[in-house]
C-alpha cells in the first residue's frame, strides 16, 4: 500500500532537517529519507568534525609559536585521541535525529530513494507519494576520470582515520586541500598539494591567499600549482601519484592520497528522469523559487540545489525559502547577499562580498584599504606573523563592498563585514561602533 504525505524530504542534512521540521510545525505530514546515517554532511562528515581537528591542530600551532615567549615543552597531537574527541560529537548525531523526527511524528525511512513518478518515491520496497518532494541530498566528490581514481580517499574517510600516515598527497587545491593539509602537517605528516590551477583557494583574493601561502611554506607543506594529476598507482609501499607540470612529469610517493578536487550535487540513484526532473551538467534545473523547472512538485535546497555558495548557512537559508514557498505559494527567492566564506586553515582566511575584480567589472568606484598587519597587536599577541586585510569601500556611499582577511580571529571578524554588507551599514557606521578591546573585532575600524 502506498503511504501518503504532504511532503517527502530526501536527505537529513541542514537543509533537509530545517525544511522537514518547519513544514511539520505547520501541520503538514512529512517523511524523510536517507541512505546514510541521519545528520548530513555538516554534522557528520564535514564542518563540525573538521573544526574539531582544526581546533587541535591550531592549539599545537599556537603552542609552538609561543615557545621562547613563555611557553615551554610544546605538546604534540595524539591522533587517535583527537579522532575519539571528534567522535564524541559525531557519534550521537544520528540517534538524536531519529529521536527528534519520532517526537515530531515525522516518518523516517532508511535506504536509497528512487523516483517512480512525478510525485512518488520508492525506498527499500516502501511506496510513498506526496504533494511535494524536496531534494536535499547534499554533495559528493566529483569524478576525476583518471587511472587509479579508486585509490583516492574522500574527506569523510580522512576524518575517520585512526592512524595518520607519514606521507599524504592532496589532489586539488580548494577548501579541503587547504584545511586538511594544515591539520595533517601539524600532526607530523609530510604533505604535498597538487593543484591543477595556478594558485590555491581560487574563491579568495589572490593577494590575501599569497600571504597565507607563507604559512604553508613555514609548516613544510609542499604546494605544487599548475600541476595536473594523471594517475595513481598502488605500490608495495603505498601509492605513486603521477602528474604533469609545464610539460614535465612530476611523481610523488604517498601512503595516503586524498580527493580534494571539488564536489558536485548528489543526484545519483534518484532516477530523476522518471519524475521528469531536468538535470544539466550535473545540476538540477531550478527556477528562482528553488523549484524544478520541469516538475512543479519538486523543490531542492542546499548543496543539492547548488544555486548559492555550498555553505551550511546557505542550506539553512534555502530551507526557509522552500518552507515559505510551500506554505504560501512561490513568493520567496534566495538572498545570498553578504554570505561570508571561511577556509579554516591555520590561521584562517575569510571573505565576504565582492572581489576587486568583480567590483571593477561592475564599474563601481571604490577605495581599497589593504595592509599586511603582522606588527599589529592581534598578530603579535598570538605570535602569528600572517595577518592582513583588503577591504573595499564605495566612494560615494561609504558602503562596504567586500572584505578579504587572513590571520587570527578573522573567521569571526568576517561576520561583522557580512552584517554590514547584508544590511547596508557604511564604513562610518562600523568605525563609530565601540568594540571590546583588545579583540580581533577592535581592529575593524583600522581596516576601513
Protein backbone atom coordinates (compact mmCIF):
# COMPACT_ATOMS: atom_id res chain seq x y z
CA UNK A 1 0.00 0.00 0.00
CA UNK A 2 1.25 3.46 -0.88
CA UNK A 3 1.79 5.83 2.04
CA UNK A 4 0.61 9.41 1.54
CA UNK A 5 2.35 12.59 2.75
CA UNK A 6 2.21 16.28 2.14
CA UNK A 7 5.99 16.49 1.83
CA UNK A 8 8.77 13.97 1.30
CA UNK A 9 12.29 15.19 2.05
CA UNK A 10 15.19 13.27 0.53
CA UNK A 11 18.17 13.83 2.81
CA UNK A 12 18.63 14.62 6.50
CA UNK A 13 21.30 17.33 6.47
CA UNK A 14 20.98 21.01 7.31
CA UNK A 15 18.57 21.99 4.52
CA UNK A 16 16.56 18.78 4.78
CA UNK A 17 16.12 18.93 8.54
CA UNK A 18 15.22 22.62 8.53
CA UNK A 19 12.56 22.11 5.89
CA UNK A 20 11.13 18.94 7.43
CA UNK A 21 10.82 20.48 10.88
CA UNK A 22 9.40 23.77 9.57
CA UNK A 23 6.78 22.14 7.38
CA UNK A 24 5.77 19.68 10.09
CA UNK A 25 5.29 22.57 12.52
CA UNK A 26 2.74 23.97 10.06
CA UNK A 27 0.70 20.78 10.40
CA UNK A 28 1.71 19.02 7.21
CA UNK A 29 2.50 15.31 7.15
CA UNK A 30 6.19 14.78 6.42
CA UNK A 31 8.53 11.89 5.62
CA UNK A 32 12.33 11.97 5.49
CA UNK A 33 14.56 9.52 3.63
CA UNK A 34 18.31 8.97 3.80
CA UNK A 35 20.51 6.14 2.59
CA UNK A 36 23.16 7.18 5.09
CA UNK A 37 23.09 7.78 8.87
CA UNK A 38 20.80 10.68 9.68
CA UNK A 39 22.53 14.01 10.16
CA UNK A 40 24.01 15.01 6.82
CA UNK A 41 27.42 16.23 5.77
CA UNK A 42 27.99 19.20 8.09
CA UNK A 43 27.27 17.41 11.35
CA UNK A 44 28.76 14.03 10.46
CA UNK A 45 31.26 14.33 7.61
CA UNK A 46 32.16 17.99 7.14
CA UNK A 47 32.08 21.28 9.03
CA UNK A 48 31.74 20.10 12.61
CA UNK A 49 34.21 17.18 12.70
CA UNK A 50 36.67 19.16 10.58
CA UNK A 51 36.57 22.05 13.03
CA UNK A 52 37.38 19.64 15.90
CA UNK A 53 40.56 18.54 14.11
CA UNK A 54 41.42 22.13 13.17
CA UNK A 55 40.98 23.12 16.81
CA UNK A 56 43.51 20.53 17.92
CA UNK A 57 45.96 21.48 15.21
CA UNK A 58 45.50 25.17 16.00
CA UNK A 59 46.27 24.58 19.68
CA UNK A 60 49.51 22.84 18.71
CA UNK A 61 50.43 25.61 16.30
CA UNK A 62 49.80 28.31 18.91
CA UNK A 63 51.88 26.46 21.49
CA UNK A 64 54.76 26.11 19.04
CA UNK A 65 54.60 29.79 18.11
CA UNK A 66 54.75 30.72 21.78
CA UNK A 67 57.89 28.70 22.50
CA UNK A 68 60.51 31.11 23.76
CA UNK A 69 57.75 33.56 24.68
CA UNK A 70 56.72 31.95 27.95
CA UNK A 71 55.62 28.51 26.76
CA UNK A 72 57.95 25.52 27.03
CA UNK A 73 57.71 21.85 26.12
CA UNK A 74 55.10 22.27 23.40
CA UNK A 75 52.57 19.40 23.24
CA UNK A 76 52.01 17.11 20.27
CA UNK A 77 48.92 15.69 18.63
CA UNK A 78 47.76 12.24 19.69
CA UNK A 79 45.84 11.50 16.51
CA UNK A 80 43.78 8.62 17.91
CA UNK A 81 42.69 10.69 20.90
CA UNK A 82 41.81 13.61 18.63
CA UNK A 83 39.66 11.34 16.46
CA UNK A 84 38.00 9.95 19.58
CA UNK A 85 37.19 13.50 20.70
CA UNK A 86 35.74 14.17 17.26
CA UNK A 87 33.57 11.07 17.52
CA UNK A 88 32.16 12.29 20.83
CA UNK A 89 30.46 14.98 18.73
CA UNK A 90 29.51 12.96 15.66
CA UNK A 91 28.53 9.54 17.02
CA UNK A 92 25.43 10.72 18.92
CA UNK A 93 24.04 12.73 15.99
CA UNK A 94 22.14 10.03 14.03
CA UNK A 95 20.19 8.80 17.05
CA UNK A 96 19.38 12.35 18.12
CA UNK A 97 17.95 12.99 14.67
CA UNK A 98 15.98 9.74 14.75
CA UNK A 99 14.52 10.68 18.13
CA UNK A 100 13.64 14.22 17.08
CA UNK A 101 11.80 13.01 13.98
CA UNK A 102 9.86 10.47 16.04
CA UNK A 103 8.99 13.14 18.58
CA UNK A 104 7.58 15.37 15.82
CA UNK A 105 5.73 12.44 14.20
CA UNK A 106 7.83 12.69 11.05
CA UNK A 107 8.05 9.33 9.25
CA UNK A 108 11.67 8.25 8.80
CA UNK A 109 12.90 5.85 6.12
CA UNK A 110 16.38 4.41 5.59
CA UNK A 111 17.56 3.49 2.10
CA UNK A 112 18.06 4.81 -1.41
CA UNK A 113 15.17 6.96 -2.57
CA UNK A 114 14.14 6.38 -6.18
CA UNK A 115 11.51 8.36 -8.02
CA UNK A 116 8.80 6.20 -9.62
CA UNK A 117 6.73 9.14 -10.90
CA UNK A 118 6.34 12.88 -10.74
CA UNK A 119 5.38 12.81 -7.04
CA UNK A 120 6.12 9.25 -5.96
CA UNK A 121 9.16 7.56 -4.47
CA UNK A 122 10.16 4.00 -3.62
CA UNK A 123 12.55 3.26 -0.78
CA UNK A 124 13.50 -0.28 0.24
CA UNK A 125 10.20 -1.64 -1.06
CA UNK A 126 8.04 1.05 0.56
CA UNK A 127 5.95 3.14 -1.83
CA UNK A 128 5.47 6.81 -0.92
CA UNK A 129 3.54 9.65 -2.52
CA UNK A 130 3.43 13.34 -1.66
CA UNK A 131 2.08 16.64 -2.92
CA UNK A 132 5.64 17.95 -2.86
CA UNK A 133 9.13 16.45 -2.75
CA UNK A 134 12.29 18.24 -1.60
CA UNK A 135 15.67 17.07 -2.84
CA UNK A 136 18.28 17.93 -0.20
CA UNK A 137 20.82 15.18 -0.73
CA UNK A 138 23.97 17.28 -0.33
CA UNK A 139 27.12 16.90 -2.40
CA UNK A 140 29.70 14.28 -3.27
CA UNK A 141 33.27 14.31 -4.68
CA UNK A 142 33.46 14.96 -8.41
CA UNK A 143 34.63 12.17 -10.67
CA UNK A 144 38.17 12.85 -11.90
CA UNK A 145 38.34 10.27 -14.65
CA UNK A 146 41.96 9.27 -14.05
CA UNK A 147 43.52 5.80 -13.80
CA UNK A 148 43.72 4.66 -10.19
CA UNK A 149 40.99 7.02 -9.02
CA UNK A 150 39.68 4.22 -6.80
CA UNK A 151 42.73 4.64 -4.56
CA UNK A 152 41.70 8.14 -3.51
CA UNK A 153 40.08 8.54 -0.12
CA UNK A 154 37.40 11.15 0.48
CA UNK A 155 37.39 13.93 3.05
CA UNK A 156 34.92 11.83 5.03
CA UNK A 157 37.38 8.93 5.18
CA UNK A 158 40.18 11.30 6.19
CA UNK A 159 38.10 12.50 9.13
CA UNK A 160 37.70 8.89 10.29
CA UNK A 161 41.37 7.85 10.08
CA UNK A 162 42.57 6.16 13.25
CA UNK A 163 46.18 6.37 12.06
CA UNK A 164 47.58 9.32 10.12
CA UNK A 165 50.20 8.06 7.63
CA UNK A 166 53.52 9.83 7.19
CA UNK A 167 53.19 10.84 3.53
CA UNK A 168 49.95 12.50 2.41
CA UNK A 169 49.14 13.85 -1.05
CA UNK A 170 46.16 16.15 -1.60
CA UNK A 171 44.72 16.11 -5.12
CA UNK A 172 43.19 19.56 -5.57
CA UNK A 173 43.68 23.00 -4.08
CA UNK A 174 40.41 24.20 -2.59
CA UNK A 175 38.95 24.23 0.91
CA UNK A 176 39.51 20.54 1.65
CA UNK A 177 43.13 20.54 0.50
CA UNK A 178 43.95 23.75 2.36
CA UNK A 179 42.29 22.81 5.64
CA UNK A 180 43.29 19.16 5.79
CA UNK A 181 46.88 19.84 4.76
CA UNK A 182 47.23 22.24 7.70
CA UNK A 183 45.81 19.65 10.10
CA UNK A 184 47.97 16.82 8.76
CA UNK A 185 51.15 18.92 8.79
CA UNK A 186 50.62 19.94 12.43
CA UNK A 187 50.12 16.25 13.25
CA UNK A 188 53.52 15.41 11.79
CA UNK A 189 52.70 14.25 8.26
CA UNK A 190 54.69 15.19 5.18
CA UNK A 191 52.07 16.86 2.98
CA UNK A 192 52.07 17.61 -0.75
CA UNK A 193 49.30 19.53 -2.51
CA UNK A 194 48.92 19.01 -6.26
CA UNK A 195 46.71 21.75 -7.69
CA UNK A 196 45.81 21.99 -11.37
CA UNK A 197 45.15 25.74 -11.18
CA UNK A 198 47.74 28.46 -10.90
CA UNK A 199 47.01 29.05 -7.23
CA UNK A 200 45.16 27.54 -4.29
CA UNK A 201 41.84 28.76 -2.87
CA UNK A 202 40.64 30.44 -6.04
CA UNK A 203 37.46 31.70 -4.34
CA UNK A 204 39.59 34.03 -2.19
CA UNK A 205 41.52 37.18 -3.05
CA UNK A 206 44.85 36.30 -4.71
CA UNK A 207 46.90 38.76 -2.64
CA UNK A 208 45.44 37.51 0.63
CA UNK A 209 45.98 33.90 -0.44
CA UNK A 210 49.57 34.84 -1.23
CA UNK A 211 50.08 35.98 2.35
CA UNK A 212 48.60 32.73 3.64
CA UNK A 213 50.95 30.70 1.44
CA UNK A 214 53.80 31.90 3.66
CA UNK A 215 52.29 29.73 6.40
CA UNK A 216 52.04 26.72 4.09
CA UNK A 217 55.77 27.07 3.47
CA UNK A 218 56.60 27.66 7.14
CA UNK A 219 54.99 24.39 8.23
CA UNK A 220 56.51 22.41 5.37
CA UNK A 221 53.50 21.87 3.12
CA UNK A 222 54.77 21.34 -0.44
CA UNK A 223 52.32 23.12 -2.75
CA UNK A 224 52.65 22.40 -6.47
CA UNK A 225 50.34 24.60 -8.55
CA UNK A 226 49.87 24.24 -12.31
CA UNK A 227 50.13 20.50 -11.75
CA UNK A 228 47.57 18.04 -13.14
CA UNK A 229 47.35 14.57 -11.62
CA UNK A 230 47.27 11.93 -14.35
CA UNK A 231 47.28 8.63 -12.47
CA UNK A 232 47.55 6.93 -9.08
CA UNK A 233 49.29 3.57 -8.82
CA UNK A 234 49.33 1.11 -5.94
CA UNK A 235 52.87 0.12 -4.98
CA UNK A 236 54.39 -2.24 -2.46
CA UNK A 237 54.96 0.64 -0.04
CA UNK A 238 51.90 2.80 -0.72
CA UNK A 239 50.93 4.80 -3.79
CA UNK A 240 52.68 6.57 -6.64
CA UNK A 241 51.00 9.74 -7.89
CA UNK A 242 51.97 10.83 -11.39
CA UNK A 243 51.24 14.35 -12.58
CA UNK A 244 52.32 16.80 -15.27
CA UNK A 245 53.54 20.36 -14.81
CA UNK A 246 54.72 22.59 -17.66
CA UNK A 247 55.26 19.55 -19.84
CA UNK A 248 57.33 17.79 -17.19
CA UNK A 249 56.36 14.65 -15.29
CA UNK A 250 56.01 15.01 -11.51
CA UNK A 251 55.98 11.91 -9.31
CA UNK A 252 55.13 11.70 -5.63
CA UNK A 253 55.23 8.65 -3.36
CA UNK A 254 52.47 8.58 -0.76
CA UNK A 255 50.91 6.50 1.97
CA UNK A 256 47.59 8.27 1.52
CA UNK A 257 46.05 10.18 -1.40
CA UNK A 258 43.09 12.45 -0.62
CA UNK A 259 40.42 13.61 -3.07
CA UNK A 260 40.30 17.39 -2.63
CA UNK A 261 39.34 18.39 -6.16
CA UNK A 262 35.80 19.61 -5.67
CA UNK A 263 32.27 18.36 -5.08
CA UNK A 264 29.02 18.14 -7.03
CA UNK A 265 25.34 17.63 -6.14
CA UNK A 266 24.50 14.07 -5.06
CA UNK A 267 21.86 13.04 -7.58
CA UNK A 268 22.97 9.52 -8.49
CA UNK A 269 20.42 6.79 -7.91
CA UNK A 270 17.40 9.09 -7.62
CA UNK A 271 16.04 8.11 -11.08
CA UNK A 272 15.15 11.73 -11.71
CA UNK A 273 14.16 11.05 -15.31
CA UNK A 274 11.18 9.00 -14.07
CA UNK A 275 9.95 12.13 -12.29
CA UNK A 276 10.57 14.37 -15.28
CA UNK A 277 13.12 16.39 -13.31
CA UNK A 278 15.59 18.03 -15.68
CA UNK A 279 19.33 17.96 -14.96
CA UNK A 280 22.03 19.79 -16.92
CA UNK A 281 25.77 19.33 -16.40
CA UNK A 282 25.16 17.50 -13.15
CA UNK A 283 22.89 20.18 -11.69
CA UNK A 284 19.15 20.33 -11.17
CA UNK A 285 17.40 22.85 -13.40
CA UNK A 286 15.59 25.12 -10.96
CA UNK A 287 13.68 28.38 -11.16
CA UNK A 288 14.19 31.38 -8.87
CA UNK A 289 11.97 29.74 -6.24
CA UNK A 290 14.23 26.66 -5.92
CA UNK A 291 11.59 24.67 -7.80
CA UNK A 292 12.22 22.23 -10.64
CA UNK A 293 11.53 23.91 -13.99
CA UNK A 294 10.10 20.68 -15.36
CA UNK A 295 8.24 19.22 -12.35
CA UNK A 296 6.50 21.78 -10.10
CA UNK A 297 6.03 19.19 -7.34
CA UNK A 298 9.80 19.05 -6.76
CA UNK A 299 11.98 21.60 -4.97
CA UNK A 300 15.65 21.48 -3.98
CA UNK A 301 17.79 23.13 -1.32
CA UNK A 302 21.37 23.35 -0.10
CA UNK A 303 24.27 21.68 -1.89
CA UNK A 304 21.87 19.58 -3.98
CA UNK A 305 20.37 22.77 -5.41
CA UNK A 306 23.77 24.46 -5.77
CA UNK A 307 22.24 27.85 -6.53
CA UNK A 308 24.10 29.68 -3.77
CA UNK A 309 27.55 29.05 -2.33
CA UNK A 310 28.00 25.49 -0.99
CA UNK A 311 27.93 26.56 2.66
CA UNK A 312 25.91 25.44 5.67
CA UNK A 313 24.26 28.84 6.31
CA UNK A 314 23.12 28.82 2.68
CA UNK A 315 21.48 25.43 3.23
CA UNK A 316 19.57 26.83 6.21
CA UNK A 317 18.54 29.86 4.17
CA UNK A 318 17.37 27.68 1.26
CA UNK A 319 15.24 25.63 3.65
CA UNK A 320 13.45 28.77 4.84
CA UNK A 321 12.84 29.84 1.24
CA UNK A 322 11.34 26.45 0.37
CA UNK A 323 9.16 26.47 3.51
CA UNK A 324 7.79 29.88 2.58
CA UNK A 325 7.03 28.81 -0.97
CA UNK A 326 5.39 25.53 0.01
CA UNK A 327 3.17 27.13 2.62
CA UNK A 328 2.29 30.37 0.85
CA UNK A 329 2.94 29.82 -2.84
CA UNK A 330 6.01 30.84 -4.81
CA UNK A 331 6.78 34.29 -3.42
CA UNK A 332 10.20 33.81 -1.88
CA UNK A 333 13.58 33.77 -3.60
CA UNK A 334 17.01 33.24 -2.05
CA UNK A 335 19.02 36.27 -0.98
CA UNK A 336 22.72 35.43 -0.91
CA UNK A 337 24.00 38.95 -0.26
CA UNK A 338 26.75 39.11 2.31
CA UNK A 339 27.35 35.40 2.73
CA UNK A 340 30.77 35.03 4.38
CA UNK A 341 33.12 32.21 3.47
CA UNK A 342 35.95 30.85 5.61
CA UNK A 343 38.67 28.30 4.96
CA UNK A 344 39.78 27.01 8.36
CA UNK A 345 43.47 26.96 7.65
CA UNK A 346 45.85 27.97 10.46
CA UNK A 347 45.43 30.92 10.54
CA UNK A 348 42.04 31.10 8.78
CA UNK A 349 41.27 33.03 5.62
CA UNK A 350 37.88 34.69 5.12
CA UNK A 351 35.95 36.68 2.54
CA UNK A 352 32.58 38.32 2.02
CA UNK A 353 31.09 40.49 -0.69
CA UNK A 354 32.69 41.47 -3.98
CA UNK A 355 36.22 40.82 -5.11
CA UNK A 356 38.25 43.69 -6.53
CA UNK A 357 37.86 42.17 -9.99
CA UNK A 358 34.08 41.91 -9.71
CA UNK A 359 33.75 45.44 -8.29
CA UNK A 360 35.70 46.82 -11.25
CA UNK A 361 33.65 44.73 -13.68
CA UNK A 362 30.51 46.34 -12.27
CA UNK A 363 32.01 49.77 -12.84
CA UNK A 364 31.96 50.72 -9.16
CA UNK A 365 34.19 53.47 -7.82
CA UNK A 366 35.78 52.41 -4.59
CA UNK A 367 38.73 52.78 -2.26
CA UNK A 368 40.76 49.70 -1.36
CA UNK A 369 42.34 49.58 2.07
CA UNK A 370 44.93 46.85 2.22
CA UNK A 371 47.80 46.01 4.53
CA UNK A 372 49.86 43.18 5.87
CA UNK A 373 49.43 43.83 9.57
CA UNK A 374 51.82 41.40 11.23
CA UNK A 375 53.03 44.23 13.52
CA UNK A 376 49.52 44.84 14.94
CA UNK A 377 48.79 43.69 18.49
CA UNK A 378 46.37 40.97 17.33
CA UNK A 379 49.16 39.26 15.41
CA UNK A 380 51.98 39.89 17.86
CA UNK A 381 49.97 38.74 20.88
CA UNK A 382 49.44 35.32 19.26
CA UNK A 383 52.94 35.25 17.71
CA UNK A 384 51.27 34.83 14.33
CA UNK A 385 53.15 36.62 11.52
CA UNK A 386 50.42 36.05 8.92
CA UNK A 387 47.81 38.78 9.34
CA UNK A 388 46.42 41.08 6.69
CA UNK A 389 43.32 42.52 5.05
CA UNK A 390 41.86 44.02 1.92
CA UNK A 391 38.61 45.97 2.30
CA UNK A 392 36.79 47.83 -0.48
CA UNK A 393 34.54 50.80 0.32
CA UNK A 394 32.39 52.56 -2.28
CA UNK A 395 33.49 56.18 -2.66
CA UNK A 396 30.09 57.89 -2.95
CA UNK A 397 28.03 55.90 -0.44
CA UNK A 398 30.60 54.52 2.01
CA UNK A 399 29.10 51.05 1.56
CA UNK A 400 31.38 48.15 2.30
CA UNK A 401 31.64 46.26 -0.98
CA UNK A 402 33.93 43.44 0.04
CA UNK A 403 36.28 42.28 2.77
CA UNK A 404 39.12 39.78 2.46
CA UNK A 405 41.03 38.81 5.60
CA UNK A 406 43.66 36.35 6.79
CA UNK A 407 45.04 35.87 10.28
CA UNK A 408 43.98 35.34 13.90
CA UNK A 409 40.23 35.64 14.60
CA UNK A 410 39.26 36.57 11.03
CA UNK A 411 36.77 33.69 10.97
CA UNK A 412 34.78 35.74 13.50
CA UNK A 413 35.57 39.27 12.33
CA UNK A 414 34.32 38.50 8.80
CA UNK A 415 30.81 38.20 10.23
CA UNK A 416 30.80 41.90 11.10
CA UNK A 417 31.60 42.77 7.50
CA UNK A 418 28.86 40.35 6.40
CA UNK A 419 26.40 42.14 8.68
CA UNK A 420 27.38 45.47 7.14
CA UNK A 421 27.02 44.25 3.57
CA UNK A 422 23.69 42.49 4.11
CA UNK A 423 22.09 45.36 6.00
CA UNK A 424 23.63 48.34 4.21
CA UNK A 425 25.83 49.61 7.03
CA UNK A 426 28.54 52.04 5.96
CA UNK A 427 32.20 52.22 6.84
CA UNK A 428 31.33 55.16 9.09
CA UNK A 429 28.73 53.07 10.92
CA UNK A 430 31.32 50.41 11.63
CA UNK A 431 34.02 52.88 12.68
CA UNK A 432 31.65 54.54 15.12
CA UNK A 433 30.84 51.21 16.81
CA UNK A 434 32.57 50.63 20.14
CA UNK A 435 34.09 47.18 20.16
CA UNK A 436 35.57 45.37 23.15
CA UNK A 437 39.34 45.83 23.27
CA UNK A 438 41.69 44.13 22.67
CA UNK A 439 39.83 41.76 20.36
CA UNK A 440 40.00 40.88 16.72
CA UNK A 441 36.88 42.96 16.15
CA UNK A 442 38.54 46.06 17.60
CA UNK A 443 40.88 46.04 14.57
CA UNK A 444 37.95 46.53 12.23
CA UNK A 445 37.94 50.31 12.39
CA UNK A 446 41.57 50.43 11.27
CA UNK A 447 40.75 48.24 8.26
CA UNK A 448 38.31 50.79 6.83
